[in-house]
Protein backbone atom coordinates (compact mmCIF):
# COMPACT_ATOMS: atom_id res chain seq x y z
CA MET A 1 -7.96 17.82 10.96
CA ILE A 2 -9.24 15.01 8.79
CA SER A 3 -10.68 12.06 10.63
CA PRO A 4 -8.62 8.99 9.72
CA ALA A 5 -10.37 6.04 8.10
CA ILE A 6 -7.78 3.75 9.67
CA ALA A 7 -8.71 3.54 13.32
CA PRO A 8 -5.69 4.27 15.49
CA THR A 9 -4.62 1.37 17.65
CA LYS A 10 -3.39 1.63 21.22
CA LYS A 11 0.11 3.06 20.97
CA GLU A 12 2.75 0.67 22.17
CA ALA A 13 6.14 1.90 23.38
CA PRO A 14 9.27 0.21 22.05
CA LEU A 15 11.84 -1.57 24.19
CA LEU A 16 14.94 0.57 24.75
CA PHE A 17 18.38 -0.64 25.84
CA ASP A 18 21.03 1.97 26.62
CA GLY A 19 24.82 1.86 26.72
CA LEU A 20 25.66 -0.35 23.73
CA THR A 21 28.65 0.16 21.49
CA TRP A 22 28.23 -0.06 17.72
CA ARG A 23 29.89 -3.48 17.79
CA GLU A 24 27.57 -4.75 20.55
CA PHE A 25 24.58 -3.43 18.62
CA LYS A 26 25.64 -5.30 15.45
CA ALA A 27 26.01 -8.53 17.48
CA VAL A 28 22.56 -8.12 19.06
CA GLU A 29 21.10 -7.25 15.66
CA GLN A 30 22.24 -10.60 14.26
CA LEU A 31 20.80 -12.46 17.24
CA LEU A 32 17.43 -10.70 16.98
CA ASP A 33 16.97 -10.99 13.23
CA ARG A 34 13.32 -12.07 13.36
CA PRO A 35 10.23 -11.18 11.30
CA GLY A 36 7.84 -8.79 12.95
CA TYR A 37 10.48 -6.74 14.75
CA ARG A 38 12.44 -3.69 13.69
CA LEU A 39 15.66 -2.57 15.33
CA SER A 40 16.98 0.98 15.33
CA PHE A 41 20.07 2.42 16.96
CA LEU A 42 21.16 5.92 17.95
CA ASP A 43 23.99 7.00 20.27
CA GLY A 44 24.25 3.71 22.14
CA VAL A 45 20.50 3.18 22.46
CA LEU A 46 18.99 0.07 20.88
CA GLU A 47 15.29 0.36 20.06
CA ILE A 48 13.27 -2.81 19.47
CA ARG A 49 9.86 -2.14 17.99
CA ARG A 50 7.22 -4.71 17.16
CA MET A 51 5.58 -4.13 13.79
CA PRO A 52 2.02 -2.99 14.50
CA GLY A 53 0.23 -5.06 11.87
CA GLU A 54 -2.53 -4.43 9.34
CA PRO A 55 -3.46 -0.78 10.07
CA HIS A 56 0.19 0.24 9.77
CA GLU A 57 0.71 -1.72 6.55
CA THR A 58 -2.54 -0.40 5.05
CA VAL A 59 -1.51 3.23 5.55
CA LYS A 60 2.03 2.51 4.38
CA LYS A 61 0.90 0.86 1.15
CA ARG A 62 -1.74 3.56 0.53
CA ILE A 63 0.86 6.30 0.84
CA ALA A 64 3.25 4.41 -1.45
CA ALA A 65 0.57 3.82 -4.10
CA LEU A 66 -0.56 7.46 -4.13
CA LEU A 67 2.95 8.86 -4.05
CA GLU A 68 4.17 6.61 -6.87
CA LEU A 69 1.15 7.55 -8.95
CA TYR A 70 2.03 11.23 -8.46
CA LEU A 71 5.75 10.70 -9.16
CA LEU A 72 4.95 8.89 -12.42
CA SER A 73 2.51 11.57 -13.57
CA ALA A 74 4.94 14.37 -12.64
CA GLY A 75 7.78 12.77 -14.62
CA TYR A 76 10.13 11.84 -11.77
CA ASP A 77 12.77 9.21 -12.55
CA PHE A 78 12.41 7.65 -9.10
CA THR A 79 13.36 4.41 -7.39
CA PRO A 80 11.28 3.08 -4.49
CA THR A 81 13.66 1.79 -1.84
CA GLY A 82 11.05 0.64 0.71
CA SER A 83 12.36 -0.04 4.18
CA MET A 84 15.98 -0.50 3.17
CA THR A 85 18.45 -0.43 6.03
CA LEU A 86 20.22 2.90 6.41
CA GLU A 87 23.17 2.96 8.76
CA SER A 88 26.35 4.82 9.58
CA GLU A 89 28.89 3.55 12.07
CA ALA A 90 30.51 7.01 12.10
CA GLY A 91 27.11 8.58 12.81
CA ASN A 92 26.36 5.89 15.42
CA VAL A 93 22.96 5.29 13.77
CA LYS A 94 20.86 2.62 12.08
CA ARG A 95 17.29 3.19 10.86
CA GLU A 96 14.76 1.65 8.50
CA ALA A 97 12.02 3.91 7.16
CA ASP A 98 8.59 2.45 6.50
CA GLU A 99 8.97 3.66 2.90
CA SER A 100 11.74 5.56 1.16
CA TYR A 101 12.49 6.90 -2.31
CA LYS A 102 15.40 8.02 -4.43
CA LEU A 103 13.88 10.82 -6.49
CA ALA A 104 16.52 10.92 -9.25
CA PRO A 105 19.00 8.46 -10.77
CA GLY A 106 22.44 7.92 -9.24
CA ARG A 107 21.56 8.70 -5.65
CA SER A 108 23.56 6.89 -2.96
CA ARG A 109 20.80 7.22 -0.38
CA PRO A 110 17.06 7.98 -0.43
CA ASP A 111 15.90 11.58 -0.77
CA LEU A 112 12.66 10.90 1.08
CA ALA A 113 11.85 8.75 4.11
CA ILE A 114 8.28 8.11 5.25
CA GLU A 115 7.30 7.02 8.76
CA ILE A 116 3.87 5.66 9.67
CA VAL A 117 3.48 6.26 13.41
CA PHE A 118 1.41 3.79 15.40
CA THR A 119 3.76 3.62 18.40
CA SER A 120 4.99 6.13 20.94
CA GLY A 121 8.38 6.95 22.38
CA GLY A 122 11.69 5.57 21.28
CA ILE A 123 14.78 7.12 19.75
CA ASN A 124 14.63 10.46 17.98
CA LYS A 125 13.77 9.59 14.37
CA LEU A 126 14.62 13.03 12.98
CA GLU A 127 18.04 12.93 14.62
CA SER A 128 18.61 9.52 13.05
CA TYR A 129 17.63 10.75 9.58
CA LYS A 130 19.72 13.90 10.01
CA ARG A 131 22.84 11.81 10.61
CA LEU A 132 21.94 9.73 7.56
CA LYS A 133 21.48 12.98 5.55
CA ILE A 134 17.98 12.18 4.30
CA SER A 135 16.77 15.47 2.78
CA GLU A 136 13.07 15.08 3.58
CA VAL A 137 11.06 13.05 6.10
CA TRP A 138 7.27 12.62 6.17
CA PHE A 139 5.41 11.46 9.29
CA TRP A 140 1.81 10.21 9.08
CA GLU A 141 0.12 9.90 12.47
CA ASP A 142 -3.59 9.74 13.33
CA GLY A 143 -4.66 11.11 9.95
CA VAL A 144 -2.16 14.00 9.92
CA LEU A 145 0.90 14.36 7.67
CA GLU A 146 3.92 16.37 8.86
CA ILE A 147 6.85 17.16 6.59
CA TYR A 148 10.41 18.04 7.59
CA HIS A 149 13.15 19.24 5.23
CA LEU A 150 16.88 19.15 6.05
CA ARG A 151 18.61 22.55 6.04
CA GLY A 152 22.21 23.66 6.54
CA GLU A 153 25.59 22.07 5.96
CA GLY A 154 28.13 20.00 7.90
CA ASN A 155 27.51 20.09 11.65
CA ALA A 156 24.79 22.74 11.27
CA LEU A 157 22.19 20.40 9.73
CA GLN A 158 18.67 20.77 11.15
CA TYR A 159 15.18 19.72 10.06
CA GLU A 160 12.63 22.44 9.46
CA LYS A 161 8.92 21.64 9.54
CA ILE A 162 7.40 22.79 6.24
CA SER A 163 3.87 22.99 4.85
CA SER A 164 4.61 21.72 1.32
CA SER A 165 7.15 19.21 0.10
CA GLU A 166 10.38 20.50 -1.40
CA ALA A 167 11.48 17.00 -2.46
CA VAL A 168 8.19 16.16 -4.23
CA LYS A 169 7.40 19.49 -5.85
CA GLY A 170 3.84 20.30 -6.82
CA ILE A 171 2.06 17.53 -4.93
CA ASN A 172 -1.30 18.65 -3.56
CA LEU A 173 -0.86 17.55 0.05
CA GLU A 174 -4.44 18.33 1.04
CA LEU A 175 -5.78 15.98 -1.64
CA PHE A 176 -3.01 13.46 -0.91
CA LEU A 177 -3.97 13.35 2.77
CA GLN A 178 -7.70 13.11 2.01
CA CYS A 179 -7.01 10.09 -0.19
CA ILE A 180 -4.71 8.48 2.38
CA ASN A 181 -7.50 8.72 4.94
CA MET A 182 -10.29 7.32 2.75
CA THR A 183 -11.81 4.02 3.83
CA ASN A 184 -11.62 2.20 0.48
CA HIS A 185 -8.17 1.74 -1.07
CA VAL A 186 -9.34 1.48 -4.70
CA GLU A 187 -11.61 4.53 -4.38
CA ALA A 188 -8.71 6.50 -2.85
CA ILE A 189 -6.41 5.64 -5.75
CA LYS A 190 -9.09 6.45 -8.34
CA ALA A 191 -9.94 9.79 -6.69
CA PHE A 192 -6.29 10.80 -6.60
CA GLN A 193 -5.70 9.67 -10.19
CA GLN A 194 -8.73 11.61 -11.47
CA ALA A 195 -7.53 14.75 -9.72
CA LEU A 196 -4.11 14.45 -11.38
């Protein structure tokens, strides 16, 4: 395991409120529309998570910079969609990724969602993304990157943990992770760019 340059902060659990209907959730969401908080919803459970601050944003922006550099060099016609709101009343779910990407033109939803984990507990993120039909999800936590790819069809959809990305073909994840975990942002970008 690579030692992360971004020191992990004390993990804070989100607030969870159970038993809400979709309509009640949407009403609460409007009341709690405040900077610094992120709301998610799954199967009647409202999750309120405080944004963890600079370490989280540093890792998030590092991952985005490195990934976009790779996507450009590999010839992807991609669209960064950031933390756009993804929701489905039918799926009883609402989620905002830390970063997300459409990896080809004409997509209705992102192909890739990225989560930077500095908190513990809460609703099941993979279940949320499964209902939203996001084909690949990356989790960065404590210097480690885990990748999950959606398999199956209809009601048989499941995420499988994989060792190399199927959505971002050819990316050297070992180098990518080393650069994410470097102390200096500019040096990380330059090292990754030189290796490309």
